[in-house]
Amino acid sequence: FSCAMLIVTLCFVKDPLLALKEAKRVLKE
């Protein structure tokens, strides 16, 4: 993906750090 969005999402996920790492993983350089 060119962009990954999390709109009022981090506050609802169990592991926000892992969520950001996953978003980073699927993101183009």
mmCIF file of all heavy atoms, coordinates in Angstrom:
data_MODEL
# 
_entry.id   MODEL 
# 
loop_
_atom_site.group_PDB 
_atom_site.id 
_atom_site.type_symbol 
_atom_site.label_atom_id 
_atom_site.label_alt_id 
_atom_site.label_comp_id 
_atom_site.label_asym_id 
_atom_site.label_entity_id 
_atom_site.label_seq_id 
_atom_site.pdbx_PDB_ins_code 
_atom_site.Cartn_x 
_atom_site.Cartn_y 
_atom_site.Cartn_z 
_atom_site.occupancy 
_atom_site.B_iso_or_equiv 
_atom_site.pdbx_formal_charge 
_atom_site.auth_seq_id 
_atom_site.auth_comp_id 
_atom_site.auth_asym_id 
_atom_site.auth_atom_id 
_atom_site.pdbx_PDB_model_num 
ATOM 1   N N   . PHE A 1 1  ? 0.817   -1.220  0.000  1.00 0.00 ? 1  PHE A N   1 
ATOM 2   C CA  . PHE A 1 1  ? 0.000   0.000   0.000  1.00 0.00 ? 1  PHE A CA  1 
ATOM 3   C C   . PHE A 1 1  ? 0.850   1.269   0.000  1.00 0.00 ? 1  PHE A C   1 
ATOM 4   O O   . PHE A 1 1  ? 1.922   1.323   0.596  1.00 0.00 ? 1  PHE A O   1 
ATOM 5   C CB  . PHE A 1 1  ? -0.929  0.000   1.211  1.00 0.00 ? 1  PHE A CB  1 
ATOM 6   C CG  . PHE A 1 1  ? -1.912  -1.139  1.206  1.00 0.00 ? 1  PHE A CG  1 
ATOM 7   C CD1 . PHE A 1 1  ? -1.658  -2.305  1.924  1.00 0.00 ? 1  PHE A CD1 1 
ATOM 8   C CD2 . PHE A 1 1  ? -3.083  -1.055  0.470  1.00 0.00 ? 1  PHE A CD2 1 
ATOM 9   C CE1 . PHE A 1 1  ? -2.551  -3.367  1.914  1.00 0.00 ? 1  PHE A CE1 1 
ATOM 10  C CE2 . PHE A 1 1  ? -3.988  -2.107  0.448  1.00 0.00 ? 1  PHE A CE2 1 
ATOM 11  C CZ  . PHE A 1 1  ? -3.721  -3.266  1.169  1.00 0.00 ? 1  PHE A CZ  1 
ATOM 12  N N   . SER A 1 2  ? 0.306   2.298   -0.635 1.00 0.00 ? 2  SER A N   1 
ATOM 13  C CA  . SER A 1 2  ? 0.985   3.593   -0.626 1.00 0.00 ? 2  SER A CA  1 
ATOM 14  C C   . SER A 1 2  ? 0.722   4.335   0.679  1.00 0.00 ? 2  SER A C   1 
ATOM 15  O O   . SER A 1 2  ? 1.554   5.120   1.140  1.00 0.00 ? 2  SER A O   1 
ATOM 16  C CB  . SER A 1 2  ? 0.526   4.453   -1.810 1.00 0.00 ? 2  SER A CB  1 
ATOM 17  O OG  . SER A 1 2  ? -0.871  4.691   -1.740 1.00 0.00 ? 2  SER A OG  1 
ATOM 18  N N   . CYS A 1 3  ? -0.449  4.096   1.265  1.00 0.00 ? 3  CYS A N   1 
ATOM 19  C CA  . CYS A 1 3  ? -0.803  4.706   2.546  1.00 0.00 ? 3  CYS A CA  1 
ATOM 20  C C   . CYS A 1 3  ? -1.620  3.710   3.369  1.00 0.00 ? 3  CYS A C   1 
ATOM 21  O O   . CYS A 1 3  ? -2.389  2.923   2.813  1.00 0.00 ? 3  CYS A O   1 
ATOM 22  C CB  . CYS A 1 3  ? -1.620  5.980   2.356  1.00 0.00 ? 3  CYS A CB  1 
ATOM 23  S SG  . CYS A 1 3  ? -0.719  7.348   1.620  1.00 0.00 ? 3  CYS A SG  1 
ATOM 24  N N   . ALA A 1 4  ? -1.432  3.774   4.674  1.00 0.00 ? 4  ALA A N   1 
ATOM 25  C CA  . ALA A 1 4  ? -2.249  2.993   5.602  1.00 0.00 ? 4  ALA A CA  1 
ATOM 26  C C   . ALA A 1 4  ? -2.833  3.955   6.623  1.00 0.00 ? 4  ALA A C   1 
ATOM 27  O O   . ALA A 1 4  ? -2.095  4.741   7.230  1.00 0.00 ? 4  ALA A O   1 
ATOM 28  C CB  . ALA A 1 4  ? -1.411  1.924   6.299  1.00 0.00 ? 4  ALA A CB  1 
ATOM 29  N N   . MET A 1 5  ? -4.142  3.941   6.785  1.00 0.00 ? 5  MET A N   1 
ATOM 30  C CA  . MET A 1 5  ? -4.815  4.873   7.690  1.00 0.00 ? 5  MET A CA  1 
ATOM 31  C C   . MET A 1 5  ? -5.369  4.146   8.914  1.00 0.00 ? 5  MET A C   1 
ATOM 32  O O   . MET A 1 5  ? -5.906  3.048   8.802  1.00 0.00 ? 5  MET A O   1 
ATOM 33  C CB  . MET A 1 5  ? -5.982  5.560   6.979  1.00 0.00 ? 5  MET A CB  1 
ATOM 34  C CG  . MET A 1 5  ? -5.640  6.248   5.679  1.00 0.00 ? 5  MET A CG  1 
ATOM 35  S SD  . MET A 1 5  ? -6.988  7.329   5.094  1.00 0.00 ? 5  MET A SD  1 
ATOM 36  C CE  . MET A 1 5  ? -8.335  6.143   4.915  1.00 0.00 ? 5  MET A CE  1 
ATOM 37  N N   . LEU A 1 6  ? -5.242  4.790   10.062 1.00 0.00 ? 6  LEU A N   1 
ATOM 38  C CA  . LEU A 1 6  ? -5.873  4.316   11.290 1.00 0.00 ? 6  LEU A CA  1 
ATOM 39  C C   . LEU A 1 6  ? -6.600  5.511   11.892 1.00 0.00 ? 6  LEU A C   1 
ATOM 40  O O   . LEU A 1 6  ? -5.974  6.389   12.498 1.00 0.00 ? 6  LEU A O   1 
ATOM 41  C CB  . LEU A 1 6  ? -4.861  3.758   12.283 1.00 0.00 ? 6  LEU A CB  1 
ATOM 42  C CG  . LEU A 1 6  ? -4.143  2.460   11.861 1.00 0.00 ? 6  LEU A CG  1 
ATOM 43  C CD1 . LEU A 1 6  ? -2.842  2.776   11.139 1.00 0.00 ? 6  LEU A CD1 1 
ATOM 44  C CD2 . LEU A 1 6  ? -3.856  1.587   13.084 1.00 0.00 ? 6  LEU A CD2 1 
ATOM 45  N N   . ILE A 1 7  ? -7.918  5.579   11.679 1.00 0.00 ? 7  ILE A N   1 
ATOM 46  C CA  . ILE A 1 7  ? -8.715  6.719   12.100 1.00 0.00 ? 7  ILE A CA  1 
ATOM 47  C C   . ILE A 1 7  ? -9.522  6.342   13.342 1.00 0.00 ? 7  ILE A C   1 
ATOM 48  O O   . ILE A 1 7  ? -10.446 5.532   13.261 1.00 0.00 ? 7  ILE A O   1 
ATOM 49  C CB  . ILE A 1 7  ? -9.659  7.202   10.971 1.00 0.00 ? 7  ILE A CB  1 
ATOM 50  C CG1 . ILE A 1 7  ? -8.910  7.286   9.634  1.00 0.00 ? 7  ILE A CG1 1 
ATOM 51  C CG2 . ILE A 1 7  ? -10.288 8.532   11.358 1.00 0.00 ? 7  ILE A CG2 1 
ATOM 52  C CD1 . ILE A 1 7  ? -7.711  8.206   9.621  1.00 0.00 ? 7  ILE A CD1 1 
ATOM 53  N N   . VAL A 1 8  ? -9.153  6.894   14.465 1.00 0.00 ? 8  VAL A N   1 
ATOM 54  C CA  . VAL A 1 8  ? -9.724  6.536   15.777 1.00 0.00 ? 8  VAL A CA  1 
ATOM 55  C C   . VAL A 1 8  ? -9.773  5.016   15.903 1.00 0.00 ? 8  VAL A C   1 
ATOM 56  O O   . VAL A 1 8  ? -10.814 4.425   16.188 1.00 0.00 ? 8  VAL A O   1 
ATOM 57  C CB  . VAL A 1 8  ? -11.122 7.165   15.988 1.00 0.00 ? 8  VAL A CB  1 
ATOM 58  C CG1 . VAL A 1 8  ? -11.526 7.105   17.468 1.00 0.00 ? 8  VAL A CG1 1 
ATOM 59  C CG2 . VAL A 1 8  ? -11.143 8.624   15.552 1.00 0.00 ? 8  VAL A CG2 1 
ATOM 60  N N   . THR A 1 9  ? -8.631  4.416   15.680 1.00 0.00 ? 9  THR A N   1 
ATOM 61  C CA  . THR A 1 9  ? -8.507  2.955   15.706 1.00 0.00 ? 9  THR A CA  1 
ATOM 62  C C   . THR A 1 9  ? -7.544  2.476   16.784 1.00 0.00 ? 9  THR A C   1 
ATOM 63  O O   . THR A 1 9  ? -7.817  1.493   17.479 1.00 0.00 ? 9  THR A O   1 
ATOM 64  C CB  . THR A 1 9  ? -8.028  2.436   14.333 1.00 0.00 ? 9  THR A CB  1 
ATOM 65  O OG1 . THR A 1 9  ? -9.051  2.668   13.367 1.00 0.00 ? 9  THR A OG1 1 
ATOM 66  C CG2 . THR A 1 9  ? -7.717  0.942   14.367 1.00 0.00 ? 9  THR A CG2 1 
ATOM 67  N N   . LEU A 1 10 ? -6.416  3.160   16.960 1.00 0.00 ? 10 LEU A N   1 
ATOM 68  C CA  . LEU A 1 10 ? -5.417  2.707   17.931 1.00 0.00 ? 10 LEU A CA  1 
ATOM 69  C C   . LEU A 1 10 ? -5.998  2.559   19.327 1.00 0.00 ? 10 LEU A C   1 
ATOM 70  O O   . LEU A 1 10 ? -5.600  1.660   20.077 1.00 0.00 ? 10 LEU A O   1 
ATOM 71  C CB  . LEU A 1 10 ? -4.232  3.676   17.979 1.00 0.00 ? 10 LEU A CB  1 
ATOM 72  C CG  . LEU A 1 10 ? -3.249  3.628   16.814 1.00 0.00 ? 10 LEU A CG  1 
ATOM 73  C CD1 . LEU A 1 10 ? -2.139  4.643   17.025 1.00 0.00 ? 10 LEU A CD1 1 
ATOM 74  C CD2 . LEU A 1 10 ? -2.656  2.230   16.647 1.00 0.00 ? 10 LEU A CD2 1 
ATOM 75  N N   . CYS A 1 11 ? -6.962  3.402   19.681 1.00 0.00 ? 11 CYS A N   1 
ATOM 76  C CA  . CYS A 1 11 ? -7.547  3.338   21.020 1.00 0.00 ? 11 CYS A CA  1 
ATOM 77  C C   . CYS A 1 11 ? -8.408  2.095   21.214 1.00 0.00 ? 11 CYS A C   1 
ATOM 78  O O   . CYS A 1 11 ? -8.742  1.733   22.350 1.00 0.00 ? 11 CYS A O   1 
ATOM 79  C CB  . CYS A 1 11 ? -8.351  4.593   21.318 1.00 0.00 ? 11 CYS A CB  1 
ATOM 80  S SG  . CYS A 1 11 ? -9.619  4.998   20.103 1.00 0.00 ? 11 CYS A SG  1 
ATOM 81  N N   . PHE A 1 12 ? -8.773  1.418   20.116 1.00 0.00 ? 12 PHE A N   1 
ATOM 82  C CA  . PHE A 1 12 ? -9.629  0.237   20.222 1.00 0.00 ? 12 PHE A CA  1 
ATOM 83  C C   . PHE A 1 12 ? -8.885  -1.088  20.012 1.00 0.00 ? 12 PHE A C   1 
ATOM 84  O O   . PHE A 1 12 ? -9.455  -2.148  20.261 1.00 0.00 ? 12 PHE A O   1 
ATOM 85  C CB  . PHE A 1 12 ? -10.778 0.324   19.211 1.00 0.00 ? 12 PHE A CB  1 
ATOM 86  C CG  . PHE A 1 12 ? -11.850 1.301   19.597 1.00 0.00 ? 12 PHE A CG  1 
ATOM 87  C CD1 . PHE A 1 12 ? -11.958 2.528   18.964 1.00 0.00 ? 12 PHE A CD1 1 
ATOM 88  C CD2 . PHE A 1 12 ? -12.757 1.000   20.597 1.00 0.00 ? 12 PHE A CD2 1 
ATOM 89  C CE1 . PHE A 1 12 ? -12.940 3.439   19.312 1.00 0.00 ? 12 PHE A CE1 1 
ATOM 90  C CE2 . PHE A 1 12 ? -13.751 1.900   20.968 1.00 0.00 ? 12 PHE A CE2 1 
ATOM 91  C CZ  . PHE A 1 12 ? -13.837 3.129   20.323 1.00 0.00 ? 12 PHE A CZ  1 
ATOM 92  N N   . VAL A 1 13 ? -7.643  -1.046  19.544 1.00 0.00 ? 13 VAL A N   1 
ATOM 93  C CA  . VAL A 1 13 ? -6.928  -2.298  19.306 1.00 0.00 ? 13 VAL A CA  1 
ATOM 94  C C   . VAL A 1 13 ? -6.250  -2.768  20.592 1.00 0.00 ? 13 VAL A C   1 
ATOM 95  O O   . VAL A 1 13 ? -5.899  -1.962  21.450 1.00 0.00 ? 13 VAL A O   1 
ATOM 96  C CB  . VAL A 1 13 ? -5.887  -2.167  18.168 1.00 0.00 ? 13 VAL A CB  1 
ATOM 97  C CG1 . VAL A 1 13 ? -6.557  -1.782  16.866 1.00 0.00 ? 13 VAL A CG1 1 
ATOM 98  C CG2 . VAL A 1 13 ? -4.804  -1.174  18.530 1.00 0.00 ? 13 VAL A CG2 1 
ATOM 99  N N   . LYS A 1 14 ? -6.080  -4.078  20.707 1.00 0.00 ? 14 LYS A N   1 
ATOM 100 C CA  . LYS A 1 14 ? -5.468  -4.638  21.917 1.00 0.00 ? 14 LYS A CA  1 
ATOM 101 C C   . LYS A 1 14 ? -3.996  -4.285  22.021 1.00 0.00 ? 14 LYS A C   1 
ATOM 102 O O   . LYS A 1 14 ? -3.470  -4.059  23.107 1.00 0.00 ? 14 LYS A O   1 
ATOM 103 C CB  . LYS A 1 14 ? -5.647  -6.163  21.926 1.00 0.00 ? 14 LYS A CB  1 
ATOM 104 C CG  . LYS A 1 14 ? -7.078  -6.614  22.165 1.00 0.00 ? 14 LYS A CG  1 
ATOM 105 C CD  . LYS A 1 14 ? -7.177  -8.127  22.244 1.00 0.00 ? 14 LYS A CD  1 
ATOM 106 C CE  . LYS A 1 14 ? -8.606  -8.570  22.517 1.00 0.00 ? 14 LYS A CE  1 
ATOM 107 N NZ  . LYS A 1 14 ? -8.725  -10.051 22.565 1.00 0.00 ? 14 LYS A NZ  1 
ATOM 108 N N   . ASP A 1 15 ? -3.307  -4.255  20.875 1.00 0.00 ? 15 ASP A N   1 
ATOM 109 C CA  . ASP A 1 15 ? -1.870  -3.996  20.869 1.00 0.00 ? 15 ASP A CA  1 
ATOM 110 C C   . ASP A 1 15 ? -1.553  -2.905  19.845 1.00 0.00 ? 15 ASP A C   1 
ATOM 111 O O   . ASP A 1 15 ? -1.280  -3.196  18.680 1.00 0.00 ? 15 ASP A O   1 
ATOM 112 C CB  . ASP A 1 15 ? -1.110  -5.283  20.528 1.00 0.00 ? 15 ASP A CB  1 
ATOM 113 C CG  . ASP A 1 15 ? 0.385   -5.173  20.752 1.00 0.00 ? 15 ASP A CG  1 
ATOM 114 O OD1 . ASP A 1 15 ? 0.917   -4.049  20.663 1.00 0.00 ? 15 ASP A OD1 1 
ATOM 115 O OD2 . ASP A 1 15 ? 1.031   -6.210  20.990 1.00 0.00 ? 15 ASP A OD2 1 
ATOM 116 N N   . PRO A 1 16 ? -1.581  -1.642  20.251 1.00 0.00 ? 16 PRO A N   1 
ATOM 117 C CA  . PRO A 1 16 ? -1.345  -0.549  19.295 1.00 0.00 ? 16 PRO A CA  1 
ATOM 118 C C   . PRO A 1 16 ? 0.040   -0.576  18.673 1.00 0.00 ? 16 PRO A C   1 
ATOM 119 O O   . PRO A 1 16 ? 0.198   -0.194  17.512 1.00 0.00 ? 16 PRO A O   1 
ATOM 120 C CB  . PRO A 1 16 ? -1.557  0.715   20.133 1.00 0.00 ? 16 PRO A CB  1 
ATOM 121 C CG  . PRO A 1 16 ? -1.381  0.285   21.552 1.00 0.00 ? 16 PRO A CG  1 
ATOM 122 C CD  . PRO A 1 16 ? -1.863  -1.131  21.599 1.00 0.00 ? 16 PRO A CD  1 
ATOM 123 N N   . LEU A 1 17 ? 1.027   -1.040  19.411 1.00 0.00 ? 17 LEU A N   1 
ATOM 124 C CA  . LEU A 1 17 ? 2.381   -1.131  18.856 1.00 0.00 ? 17 LEU A CA  1 
ATOM 125 C C   . LEU A 1 17 ? 2.432   -2.131  17.716 1.00 0.00 ? 17 LEU A C   1 
ATOM 126 O O   . LEU A 1 17 ? 2.968   -1.838  16.635 1.00 0.00 ? 17 LEU A O   1 
ATOM 127 C CB  . LEU A 1 17 ? 3.389   -1.522  19.944 1.00 0.00 ? 17 LEU A CB  1 
ATOM 128 C CG  . LEU A 1 17 ? 4.832   -1.774  19.477 1.00 0.00 ? 17 LEU A CG  1 
ATOM 129 C CD1 . LEU A 1 17 ? 5.392   -0.563  18.747 1.00 0.00 ? 17 LEU A CD1 1 
ATOM 130 C CD2 . LEU A 1 17 ? 5.712   -2.157  20.662 1.00 0.00 ? 17 LEU A CD2 1 
ATOM 131 N N   . LEU A 1 18 ? 1.851   -3.297  17.925 1.00 0.00 ? 18 LEU A N   1 
ATOM 132 C CA  . LEU A 1 18 ? 1.833   -4.315  16.876 1.00 0.00 ? 18 LEU A CA  1 
ATOM 133 C C   . LEU A 1 18 ? 0.998   -3.840  15.683 1.00 0.00 ? 18 LEU A C   1 
ATOM 134 O O   . LEU A 1 18 ? 1.347   -4.104  14.530 1.00 0.00 ? 18 LEU A O   1 
ATOM 135 C CB  . LEU A 1 18 ? 1.271   -5.629  17.418 1.00 0.00 ? 18 LEU A CB  1 
ATOM 136 C CG  . LEU A 1 18 ? 1.269   -6.834  16.462 1.00 0.00 ? 18 LEU A CG  1 
ATOM 137 C CD1 . LEU A 1 18 ? 2.650   -7.056  15.857 1.00 0.00 ? 18 LEU A CD1 1 
ATOM 138 C CD2 . LEU A 1 18 ? 0.784   -8.083  17.177 1.00 0.00 ? 18 LEU A CD2 1 
ATOM 139 N N   . ALA A 1 19 ? -0.075  -3.114  15.959 1.00 0.00 ? 19 ALA A N   1 
ATOM 140 C CA  . ALA A 1 19 ? -0.909  -2.586  14.872 1.00 0.00 ? 19 ALA A CA  1 
ATOM 141 C C   . ALA A 1 19 ? -0.100  -1.627  13.992 1.00 0.00 ? 19 ALA A C   1 
ATOM 142 O O   . ALA A 1 19 ? -0.194  -1.671  12.753 1.00 0.00 ? 19 ALA A O   1 
ATOM 143 C CB  . ALA A 1 19 ? -2.133  -1.875  15.440 1.00 0.00 ? 19 ALA A CB  1 
ATOM 144 N N   . LEU A 1 20 ? 0.703   -0.772  14.606 1.00 0.00 ? 20 LEU A N   1 
ATOM 145 C CA  . LEU A 1 20 ? 1.530   0.157   13.835 1.00 0.00 ? 20 LEU A CA  1 
ATOM 146 C C   . LEU A 1 20 ? 2.636   -0.586  13.076 1.00 0.00 ? 20 LEU A C   1 
ATOM 147 O O   . LEU A 1 20 ? 2.963   -0.233  11.940 1.00 0.00 ? 20 LEU A O   1 
ATOM 148 C CB  . LEU A 1 20 ? 2.135   1.214   14.749 1.00 0.00 ? 20 LEU A CB  1 
ATOM 149 C CG  . LEU A 1 20 ? 1.228   2.369   15.171 1.00 0.00 ? 20 LEU A CG  1 
ATOM 150 C CD1 . LEU A 1 20 ? 2.009   3.371   16.020 1.00 0.00 ? 20 LEU A CD1 1 
ATOM 151 C CD2 . LEU A 1 20 ? 0.637   3.072   13.959 1.00 0.00 ? 20 LEU A CD2 1 
ATOM 152 N N   . LYS A 1 21 ? 3.190   -1.604  13.693 1.00 0.00 ? 21 LYS A N   1 
ATOM 153 C CA  . LYS A 1 21 ? 4.220   -2.397  13.015 1.00 0.00 ? 21 LYS A CA  1 
ATOM 154 C C   . LYS A 1 21 ? 3.650   -3.106  11.796 1.00 0.00 ? 21 LYS A C   1 
ATOM 155 O O   . LYS A 1 21 ? 4.300   -3.208  10.754 1.00 0.00 ? 21 LYS A O   1 
ATOM 156 C CB  . LYS A 1 21 ? 4.827   -3.418  13.988 1.00 0.00 ? 21 LYS A CB  1 
ATOM 157 C CG  . LYS A 1 21 ? 5.784   -2.815  15.000 1.00 0.00 ? 21 LYS A CG  1 
ATOM 158 C CD  . LYS A 1 21 ? 6.397   -3.901  15.883 1.00 0.00 ? 21 LYS A CD  1 
ATOM 159 C CE  . LYS A 1 21 ? 7.445   -3.333  16.828 1.00 0.00 ? 21 LYS A CE  1 
ATOM 160 N NZ  . LYS A 1 21 ? 8.033   -4.385  17.691 1.00 0.00 ? 21 LYS A NZ  1 
ATOM 161 N N   . GLU A 1 22 ? 2.422   -3.596  11.915 1.00 0.00 ? 22 GLU A N   1 
ATOM 162 C CA  . GLU A 1 22 ? 1.765   -4.248  10.790 1.00 0.00 ? 22 GLU A CA  1 
ATOM 163 C C   . GLU A 1 22 ? 1.461   -3.257  9.680  1.00 0.00 ? 22 GLU A C   1 
ATOM 164 O O   . GLU A 1 22 ? 1.644   -3.547  8.497  1.00 0.00 ? 22 GLU A O   1 
ATOM 165 C CB  . GLU A 1 22 ? 0.472   -4.927  11.256 1.00 0.00 ? 22 GLU A CB  1 
ATOM 166 C CG  . GLU A 1 22 ? 0.662   -6.332  11.773 1.00 0.00 ? 22 GLU A CG  1 
ATOM 167 C CD  . GLU A 1 22 ? 1.024   -7.292  10.647 1.00 0.00 ? 22 GLU A CD  1 
ATOM 168 O OE1 . GLU A 1 22 ? 0.121   -7.858  10.009 1.00 0.00 ? 22 GLU A OE1 1 
ATOM 169 O OE2 . GLU A 1 22 ? 2.235   -7.455  10.390 1.00 0.00 ? 22 GLU A OE2 1 
ATOM 170 N N   . ALA A 1 23 ? 0.999   -2.063  10.068 1.00 0.00 ? 23 ALA A N   1 
ATOM 171 C CA  . ALA A 1 23 ? 0.748   -1.017  9.074  1.00 0.00 ? 23 ALA A CA  1 
ATOM 172 C C   . ALA A 1 23 ? 2.037   -0.665  8.343  1.00 0.00 ? 23 ALA A C   1 
ATOM 173 O O   . ALA A 1 23 ? 2.044   -0.490  7.117  1.00 0.00 ? 23 ALA A O   1 
ATOM 174 C CB  . ALA A 1 23 ? 0.159   0.221   9.752  1.00 0.00 ? 23 ALA A CB  1 
ATOM 175 N N   . LYS A 1 24 ? 3.120   -0.581  9.078  1.00 0.00 ? 24 LYS A N   1 
ATOM 176 C CA  . LYS A 1 24 ? 4.430   -0.297  8.488  1.00 0.00 ? 24 LYS A CA  1 
ATOM 177 C C   . LYS A 1 24 ? 4.856   -1.420  7.542  1.00 0.00 ? 24 LYS A C   1 
ATOM 178 O O   . LYS A 1 24 ? 5.394   -1.174  6.463  1.00 0.00 ? 24 LYS A O   1 
ATOM 179 C CB  . LYS A 1 24 ? 5.467   -0.125  9.598  1.00 0.00 ? 24 LYS A CB  1 
ATOM 180 C CG  . LYS A 1 24 ? 6.892   0.094   9.119  1.00 0.00 ? 24 LYS A CG  1 
ATOM 181 C CD  . LYS A 1 24 ? 7.858   0.094   10.289 1.00 0.00 ? 24 LYS A CD  1 
ATOM 182 C CE  . LYS A 1 24 ? 9.298   0.155   9.827  1.00 0.00 ? 24 LYS A CE  1 
ATOM 183 N NZ  . LYS A 1 24 ? 10.248  0.031   10.967 1.00 0.00 ? 24 LYS A NZ  1 
ATOM 184 N N   . ARG A 1 25 ? 4.582   -2.652  7.931  1.00 0.00 ? 25 ARG A N   1 
ATOM 185 C CA  . ARG A 1 25 ? 5.002   -3.808  7.125  1.00 0.00 ? 25 ARG A CA  1 
ATOM 186 C C   . ARG A 1 25 ? 4.355   -3.815  5.748  1.00 0.00 ? 25 ARG A C   1 
ATOM 187 O O   . ARG A 1 25 ? 5.005   -4.126  4.747  1.00 0.00 ? 25 ARG A O   1 
ATOM 188 C CB  . ARG A 1 25 ? 4.653   -5.117  7.866  1.00 0.00 ? 25 ARG A CB  1 
ATOM 189 C CG  . ARG A 1 25 ? 5.008   -6.379  7.095  1.00 0.00 ? 25 ARG A CG  1 
ATOM 190 C CD  . ARG A 1 25 ? 4.547   -7.636  7.799  1.00 0.00 ? 25 ARG A CD  1 
ATOM 191 N NE  . ARG A 1 25 ? 3.103   -7.751  7.887  1.00 0.00 ? 25 ARG A NE  1 
ATOM 192 C CZ  . ARG A 1 25 ? 2.312   -8.134  6.898  1.00 0.00 ? 25 ARG A CZ  1 
ATOM 193 N NH1 . ARG A 1 25 ? 2.823   -8.407  5.693  1.00 0.00 ? 25 ARG A NH1 1 
ATOM 194 N NH2 . ARG A 1 25 ? 1.001   -8.244  7.078  1.00 0.00 ? 25 ARG A NH2 1 
ATOM 195 N N   . VAL A 1 26 ? 3.063   -3.477  5.687  1.00 0.00 ? 26 VAL A N   1 
ATOM 196 C CA  . VAL A 1 26 ? 2.350   -3.555  4.407  1.00 0.00 ? 26 VAL A CA  1 
ATOM 197 C C   . VAL A 1 26 ? 2.518   -2.285  3.570  1.00 0.00 ? 26 VAL A C   1 
ATOM 198 O O   . VAL A 1 26 ? 1.971   -2.171  2.485  1.00 0.00 ? 26 VAL A O   1 
ATOM 199 C CB  . VAL A 1 26 ? 0.843   -3.842  4.619  1.00 0.00 ? 26 VAL A CB  1 
ATOM 200 C CG1 . VAL A 1 26 ? 0.651   -5.149  5.367  1.00 0.00 ? 26 VAL A CG1 1 
ATOM 201 C CG2 . VAL A 1 26 ? 0.144   -2.691  5.342  1.00 0.00 ? 26 VAL A CG2 1 
ATOM 202 N N   . LEU A 1 27 ? 3.294   -1.349  4.096  1.00 0.00 ? 27 LEU A N   1 
ATOM 203 C CA  . LEU A 1 27 ? 3.488   -0.058  3.450  1.00 0.00 ? 27 LEU A CA  1 
ATOM 204 C C   . LEU A 1 27 ? 4.687   -0.089  2.502  1.00 0.00 ? 27 LEU A C   1 
ATOM 205 O O   . LEU A 1 27 ? 5.730   -0.648  2.827  1.00 0.00 ? 27 LEU A O   1 
ATOM 206 C CB  . LEU A 1 27 ? 3.737   0.991   4.529  1.00 0.00 ? 27 LEU A CB  1 
ATOM 207 C CG  . LEU A 1 27 ? 3.448   2.457   4.231  1.00 0.00 ? 27 LEU A CG  1 
ATOM 208 C CD1 . LEU A 1 27 ? 1.980   2.671   3.934  1.00 0.00 ? 27 LEU A CD1 1 
ATOM 209 C CD2 . LEU A 1 27 ? 3.878   3.304   5.437  1.00 0.00 ? 27 LEU A CD2 1 
ATOM 210 N N   . LYS A 1 28 ? 4.508   0.517   1.326  1.00 0.00 ? 28 LYS A N   1 
ATOM 211 C CA  . LYS A 1 28 ? 5.639   0.658   0.411  1.00 0.00 ? 28 LYS A CA  1 
ATOM 212 C C   . LYS A 1 28 ? 6.719   1.507   1.072  1.00 0.00 ? 28 LYS A C   1 
ATOM 213 O O   . LYS A 1 28 ? 6.447   2.280   1.988  1.00 0.00 ? 28 LYS A O   1 
ATOM 214 C CB  . LYS A 1 28 ? 5.179   1.314   -0.897 1.00 0.00 ? 28 LYS A CB  1 
ATOM 215 C CG  . LYS A 1 28 ? 4.263   0.433   -1.728 1.00 0.00 ? 28 LYS A CG  1 
ATOM 216 C CD  . LYS A 1 28 ? 3.858   1.131   -3.028 1.00 0.00 ? 28 LYS A CD  1 
ATOM 217 C CE  . LYS A 1 28 ? 2.975   0.235   -3.879 1.00 0.00 ? 28 LYS A CE  1 
ATOM 218 N NZ  . LYS A 1 28 ? 2.552   0.899   -5.130 1.00 0.00 ? 28 LYS A NZ  1 
ATOM 219 N N   . GLU A 1 29 ? 7.945   1.371   0.575  1.00 0.00 ? 29 GLU A N   1 
ATOM 220 C CA  . GLU A 1 29 ? 9.083   2.037   1.218  1.00 0.00 ? 29 GLU A CA  1 
ATOM 221 C C   . GLU A 1 29 ? 8.885   3.544   1.346  1.00 0.00 ? 29 GLU A C   1 
ATOM 222 O O   . GLU A 1 29 ? 9.243   4.153   2.345  1.00 0.00 ? 29 GLU A O   1 
ATOM 223 C CB  . GLU A 1 29 ? 10.364  1.738   0.443  1.00 0.00 ? 29 GLU A CB  1 
ATOM 224 C CG  . GLU A 1 29 ? 11.615  1.835   1.285  1.00 0.00 ? 29 GLU A CG  1 
ATOM 225 C CD  . GLU A 1 29 ? 11.604  0.910   2.502  1.00 0.00 ? 29 GLU A CD  1 
ATOM 226 O OE1 . GLU A 1 29 ? 11.251  -0.284  2.362  1.00 0.00 ? 29 GLU A OE1 1 
ATOM 227 O OE2 . GLU A 1 29 ? 11.920  1.396   3.597  1.00 0.00 ? 29 GLU A OE2 1 
# 
